[in-house]
Protein backbone atom coordinates (compact mmCIF):
# COMPACT_ATOMS: atom_id res chain seq x y z
CA UNK A 1 16.14 -30.07 -6.73
CA UNK A 2 17.86 -27.88 -4.12
CA UNK A 3 16.62 -24.25 -3.74
CA UNK A 4 18.23 -21.53 -5.86
CA UNK A 5 20.50 -19.16 -4.15
CA UNK A 6 18.76 -15.83 -4.29
CA UNK A 7 20.10 -13.02 -6.68
CA UNK A 8 20.16 -9.31 -5.77
CA UNK A 9 17.63 -8.72 -8.33
CA UNK A 10 15.19 -11.20 -7.09
CA UNK A 11 11.80 -9.83 -5.93
CA UNK A 12 11.22 -9.58 -2.12
CA UNK A 13 7.89 -10.75 -0.81
CA UNK A 14 6.77 -7.17 -0.53
CA UNK A 15 7.56 -6.19 -4.13
CA UNK A 16 6.18 -9.66 -5.43
CA UNK A 17 2.92 -8.80 -3.56
CA UNK A 18 2.67 -5.64 -5.79
CA UNK A 19 2.87 -7.20 -9.22
CA UNK A 20 1.43 -10.72 -8.54
CA UNK A 21 -2.00 -9.82 -9.21
CA UNK A 22 -1.24 -8.69 -12.65
CA UNK A 23 0.63 -11.71 -13.64
CA UNK A 24 -1.82 -14.11 -11.93
CA UNK A 25 -4.69 -12.48 -13.85
CA UNK A 26 -2.71 -12.76 -17.07
CA UNK A 27 -2.23 -16.47 -16.60
CA UNK A 28 -5.80 -17.10 -15.46
CA UNK A 29 -7.12 -15.37 -18.67
CA UNK A 30 -4.66 -17.24 -20.82
CA UNK A 31 -5.70 -20.58 -19.39
CA UNK A 32 -9.37 -19.73 -19.59
CA UNK A 33 -9.20 -19.08 -23.23
CA UNK A 34 -7.38 -22.44 -23.86
CA UNK A 35 -9.43 -25.24 -25.27
CA UNK A 36 -7.64 -27.80 -23.47
CA UNK A 37 -6.23 -26.79 -20.06
CA UNK A 38 -3.80 -29.52 -19.84
CA UNK A 39 -1.30 -29.99 -17.04
CA UNK A 40 -0.50 -27.04 -14.72
CA UNK A 41 2.33 -24.79 -15.54
CA UNK A 42 5.75 -26.12 -14.60
CA UNK A 43 7.38 -22.98 -13.35
CA UNK A 44 5.98 -20.28 -11.09
CA UNK A 45 5.42 -16.70 -12.16
CA UNK A 46 7.72 -15.34 -9.37
CA UNK A 47 10.64 -17.38 -10.57
CA UNK A 48 10.11 -16.34 -14.30
CA UNK A 49 9.87 -12.68 -13.36
CA UNK A 50 13.08 -13.03 -11.33
CA UNK A 51 14.83 -14.50 -14.28
CA UNK A 52 13.65 -11.62 -16.51
CA UNK A 53 14.70 -9.05 -13.95
CA UNK A 54 18.15 -10.78 -13.80
CA UNK A 55 18.53 -10.22 -17.55
CA UNK A 56 17.56 -6.55 -17.24
CA UNK A 57 19.83 -5.71 -14.22
CA UNK A 58 22.86 -7.83 -15.07
CA UNK A 59 22.94 -7.31 -18.90
CA UNK A 60 23.29 -10.88 -19.89
CA UNK A 61 22.11 -12.53 -23.00
CA UNK A 62 19.09 -14.77 -22.49
CA UNK A 63 21.14 -17.94 -23.38
CA UNK A 64 23.49 -16.86 -20.74
CA UNK A 65 20.91 -17.17 -17.94
CA UNK A 66 22.41 -19.17 -14.93
CA UNK A 67 21.08 -22.85 -15.03
CA UNK A 68 19.50 -22.63 -11.84
CA UNK A 69 16.71 -20.55 -13.38
CA UNK A 70 14.14 -22.27 -15.54
CA UNK A 71 15.26 -22.92 -19.17
CA UNK A 72 16.19 -19.68 -20.94
CA UNK A 73 13.74 -20.64 -23.75
CA UNK A 74 10.87 -20.63 -21.28
CA UNK A 75 11.91 -17.35 -19.84
CA UNK A 76 12.15 -15.66 -23.14
CA UNK A 77 8.82 -17.11 -24.13
CA UNK A 78 7.11 -15.59 -21.16
CA UNK A 79 8.83 -12.31 -21.76
CA UNK A 80 7.73 -12.12 -25.42
CA UNK A 81 4.17 -12.97 -24.46
CA UNK A 82 4.14 -10.56 -21.71
CA UNK A 83 5.40 -7.75 -24.04
CA UNK A 84 2.95 -8.60 -26.78
CA UNK A 85 0.01 -8.55 -24.21
CA UNK A 86 1.18 -5.18 -22.78
CA UNK A 87 1.84 -6.80 -19.16
CA UNK A 88 5.04 -4.64 -18.64
CA UNK A 89 3.18 -1.26 -19.63
CA UNK A 90 0.22 -2.28 -17.40
CA UNK A 91 2.75 -2.95 -14.41
CA UNK A 92 4.45 0.41 -15.08
CA UNK A 93 1.17 2.26 -15.13
CA UNK A 94 -0.06 0.64 -11.94
CA UNK A 95 3.02 1.15 -9.89
CA UNK A 96 3.29 4.73 -11.37
CA UNK A 97 -0.13 5.58 -9.94
CA UNK A 98 0.72 4.10 -6.58
CA UNK A 99 4.01 6.07 -6.36
CA UNK A 100 2.20 9.45 -7.30
CA UNK A 101 -0.48 8.71 -4.61
CA UNK A 102 2.26 7.93 -1.96
CA UNK A 103 3.74 11.35 -2.87
CA UNK A 104 0.51 12.95 -2.43
CA UNK A 105 -0.13 13.55 -6.01
CA UNK A 106 -3.23 13.04 -8.19
CA UNK A 107 -2.85 9.57 -10.05
CA UNK A 108 -3.57 11.21 -13.28
CA UNK A 109 -0.77 13.70 -14.15
CA UNK A 110 -1.31 17.33 -15.44
CA UNK A 111 2.34 18.01 -16.60
CA UNK A 112 5.12 16.01 -18.16
CA UNK A 113 8.51 16.28 -19.68
CA UNK A 114 9.60 14.90 -23.20
CA UNK A 115 13.26 13.97 -24.00
CA UNK A 116 15.29 11.48 -26.14
CA UNK A 117 18.35 9.53 -25.66
CA UNK A 118 20.54 7.75 -28.39
CA UNK A 119 22.41 4.58 -27.46
CA UNK A 120 24.61 2.31 -29.50
CA UNK A 121 23.19 -0.99 -30.48
CA UNK A 122 24.71 -4.42 -30.40
CA UNK A 123 25.50 -6.73 -33.32
CA UNK A 124 22.16 -8.56 -32.84
CA UNK A 125 20.06 -5.49 -33.83
CA UNK A 126 19.10 -5.55 -37.52
CA UNK A 127 20.64 -2.72 -39.68
CA UNK A 128 17.23 -1.81 -40.81
CA UNK A 129 15.98 -0.73 -37.32
CA UNK A 130 19.26 1.46 -36.62
CA UNK A 131 20.23 4.75 -37.66
CA UNK A 132 22.69 7.63 -37.05
CA UNK A 133 22.16 10.43 -34.70
CA UNK A 134 24.16 13.09 -36.49
CA UNK A 135 24.18 15.56 -33.57
CA UNK A 136 25.62 12.97 -31.02
CA UNK A 137 27.47 10.79 -33.63
CA UNK A 138 25.90 7.61 -32.43
CA UNK A 139 24.82 4.72 -34.56
CA UNK A 140 22.06 2.85 -32.92
CA UNK A 141 18.65 3.50 -31.64
CA UNK A 142 16.78 6.27 -30.01
CA UNK A 143 14.74 6.14 -26.89
CA UNK A 144 12.14 8.88 -26.57
CA UNK A 145 10.26 9.00 -23.39
CA UNK A 146 7.60 11.27 -21.66
CA UNK A 147 7.58 11.28 -17.77
CA UNK A 148 5.67 13.18 -15.15
CA UNK A 149 7.30 15.83 -13.10
CA UNK A 150 8.49 13.12 -10.60
CA UNK A 151 10.44 11.44 -13.36
CA UNK A 152 8.07 8.46 -13.58
CA UNK A 153 7.46 6.97 -17.07
CA UNK A 154 4.39 7.45 -18.98
CA UNK A 155 5.34 6.34 -22.45
CA UNK A 156 8.40 5.17 -24.37
CA UNK A 157 9.17 4.85 -28.07
CA UNK A 158 12.21 3.04 -29.44
CA UNK A 159 13.16 4.05 -33.08
CA UNK A 160 16.30 4.20 -35.32
CA UNK A 161 18.71 6.91 -33.85
CA UNK A 162 18.12 8.97 -37.12
CA UNK A 163 14.41 9.75 -36.35
CA UNK A 164 13.99 13.36 -35.41
CA UNK A 165 13.03 14.09 -31.76
CA UNK A 166 9.79 15.95 -32.92
CA UNK A 167 8.71 12.99 -34.94
CA UNK A 168 8.95 10.53 -32.08
CA UNK A 169 7.45 13.23 -29.67
CA UNK A 170 4.33 13.53 -31.88
CA UNK A 171 3.75 9.82 -31.61
CA UNK A 172 4.28 10.06 -27.79
CA UNK A 173 1.87 12.92 -27.43
CA UNK A 174 -0.87 11.08 -29.33
CA UNK A 175 -0.50 8.18 -27.15
CA UNK A 176 -0.33 10.02 -23.76
CA UNK A 177 -3.07 12.50 -24.67
CA UNK A 178 -5.35 9.59 -25.24
CA UNK A 179 -4.39 7.75 -22.09
CA UNK A 180 -4.13 10.74 -19.80
CA UNK A 181 -6.69 13.48 -20.71
CA UNK A 182 -5.75 15.54 -17.69
CA UNK A 183 -2.30 16.27 -19.14
CA UNK A 184 -2.13 20.00 -20.04
CA UNK A 185 1.43 20.98 -19.83
CA UNK A 186 4.70 19.60 -21.32
CA UNK A 187 8.33 20.78 -21.34
CA UNK A 188 10.74 19.93 -24.12
CA UNK A 189 14.38 21.00 -24.98
CA UNK A 190 15.36 23.18 -27.93
CA UNK A 191 15.86 20.37 -30.26
CA UNK A 192 12.17 19.85 -30.84
CA UNK A 193 10.70 21.67 -33.86
CA UNK A 194 7.84 24.16 -34.04
CA UNK A 195 5.43 21.77 -35.66
CA UNK A 196 5.47 19.56 -32.48
CA UNK A 197 4.31 22.59 -30.39
CA UNK A 198 1.53 23.09 -32.78
CA UNK A 199 0.65 19.52 -32.60
CA UNK A 200 0.61 19.73 -28.84
CA UNK A 201 -1.62 22.77 -29.05
CA UNK A 202 -4.16 20.95 -31.16
CA UNK A 203 -4.49 18.19 -28.52
CA UNK A 204 -5.06 21.03 -25.88
CA UNK A 205 -1.41 20.69 -24.31
CA UNK A 206 0.75 23.69 -23.69
CA UNK A 207 4.26 22.96 -24.73
CA UNK A 208 7.06 24.98 -23.41
CA UNK A 209 10.56 24.84 -24.69
CA UNK A 210 13.29 25.04 -22.13
CA UNK A 211 16.43 26.49 -23.88
CA UNK A 212 20.05 26.13 -22.83
CA UNK A 213 21.66 29.35 -21.46
CA UNK A 214 23.90 30.88 -24.09
CA UNK A 215 27.72 29.95 -23.43
CA UNK A 216 26.92 27.04 -21.16
CA UNK A 217 29.20 24.18 -21.98
CA UNK A 218 29.28 21.88 -18.81
CA UNK A 219 26.41 19.92 -17.73
CA UNK A 220 23.76 22.11 -16.10
CA UNK A 221 20.22 20.92 -14.82
CA UNK A 222 17.46 22.71 -16.49
CA UNK A 223 14.45 23.84 -14.56
CA UNK A 224 11.52 21.25 -15.08
CA UNK A 225 13.44 19.26 -17.45
CA UNK A 226 16.10 17.79 -15.09
CA UNK A 227 13.78 15.12 -13.93
CA UNK A 228 13.68 13.34 -17.24
CA UNK A 229 17.47 13.34 -17.28
CA UNK A 230 17.34 11.76 -13.77
CA UNK A 231 15.07 9.03 -15.23
CA UNK A 232 17.69 8.12 -17.83
CA UNK A 233 20.17 7.87 -15.04
CA UNK A 234 17.70 5.41 -13.15
CA UNK A 235 17.50 3.39 -16.41
CA UNK A 236 21.30 3.06 -16.72
CA UNK A 237 21.28 1.26 -13.37
CA UNK A 238 20.05 -1.69 -15.55
CA UNK A 239 22.94 -2.87 -17.64
CA UNK A 240 20.73 -4.45 -20.30
CA UNK A 241 19.74 -0.70 -21.22
CA UNK A 242 23.39 0.55 -21.53
CA UNK A 243 23.31 -0.67 -25.07
CA UNK A 244 20.36 -1.70 -27.20
CA UNK A 245 20.55 -5.39 -27.63
CA UNK A 246 17.11 -6.48 -28.72
CA UNK A 247 15.98 -7.39 -32.28
CA UNK A 248 12.68 -5.79 -32.04
CA UNK A 249 12.13 -2.17 -30.82
CA UNK A 250 9.11 -3.36 -28.97
CA UNK A 251 11.21 -5.70 -26.74
CA UNK A 252 13.46 -2.86 -25.91
CA UNK A 253 10.50 -0.79 -24.77
CA UNK A 254 9.42 -3.72 -22.59
CA UNK A 255 12.72 -3.78 -20.83
CA UNK A 256 12.50 -0.05 -20.16
CA UNK A 257 8.89 -0.67 -18.68
CA UNK A 258 10.30 -3.35 -16.68
CA UNK A 259 13.23 -1.24 -15.27
CA UNK A 260 10.93 1.51 -14.17
CA UNK A 261 8.48 -1.19 -12.54
CA UNK A 262 11.46 -2.56 -10.56
CA UNK A 263 12.56 0.93 -9.51
CA UNK A 264 9.02 1.93 -8.52
CA UNK A 265 8.33 -1.24 -6.62
CA UNK A 266 11.47 -0.61 -4.54
CA UNK A 267 10.54 2.77 -3.79
CA UNK A 268 6.93 1.70 -2.61
CA UNK A 269 8.44 -0.81 -0.26
CA UNK A 270 11.35 1.29 0.94
CA UNK A 271 13.96 -1.16 -0.36
CA UNK A 272 17.33 -0.09 -1.70
CA UNK A 273 18.46 -0.43 -5.19
CA UNK A 274 21.96 -2.01 -5.83
CA UNK A 275 24.36 0.26 -7.49
CA UNK A 276 28.08 0.88 -8.25
CA UNK A 277 27.53 4.56 -7.92
CA UNK A 278 28.31 4.73 -4.12
CA UNK A 279 32.15 4.01 -3.58
CA UNK A 280 31.90 3.91 0.07
CA UNK A 281 29.08 1.35 -0.06
CA UNK A 282 29.24 -0.86 -3.12
CA UNK A 283 26.27 -2.79 -1.99
CA UNK A 284 23.36 -0.29 -1.99
CA UNK A 285 22.27 3.09 -2.74
CA UNK A 286 18.76 4.46 -2.49
CA UNK A 287 16.87 5.74 -5.45
CA UNK A 288 14.96 8.80 -4.22
CA UNK A 289 13.10 11.70 -5.94
């Protein structure tokens, strides 16, 4: 079989070196637990990850994967297992720590930003897991995230769009406070309720609400909070995330973790991220910050 022509989303040797140990350890543990080892895996982990990255970046359905990748059933099977075993969240956490250290920061954060984004959902999304964001007039799902002050992802929660920001924020705070005890400051927008501020205080976190300046209509970056808005811009470089297409919210969360893993791996290796945002250079633009 002839070698597959590389795709722009494929992992370079440098980026593969960053994530290979996590995937190799996962496969070793799975095979060690098996009663019958059987024949060796037919497909390499790098090619499987390349196919998953292709779906995330190009926005295609799993069944529409090009035929020179391994069978889509195999690719989706690995994706589902990695999501269930927390591999994507583990990769995101590992690379986030490396990026923070590269920037001269402590690997453990002391401050974060919470925000929510409502997106339309595809026909494949069950009606029971959708909702309506009355403020933004969007029927679909809501992505609530908490990032550090560099815009790097700590946690994500995908819910129906009708879920209140403060309700999702409470779950995010509980998760991040348990995993990152050094966190002591969080910024949110004016859409979050008072009880979330009180819940944060009970966890030992000072939550500050950043309000919009009265009379402001056009988009205006807010101090401290603009980094999380930039994070959503980074995520939109992955076409699979422009609309929520996944049946299970947990699979949507995995694709968000994967997108951030892809972006951080490129930052660590100094590689460019392909984007349509630079009209004078349609091939590449650098994700910085």
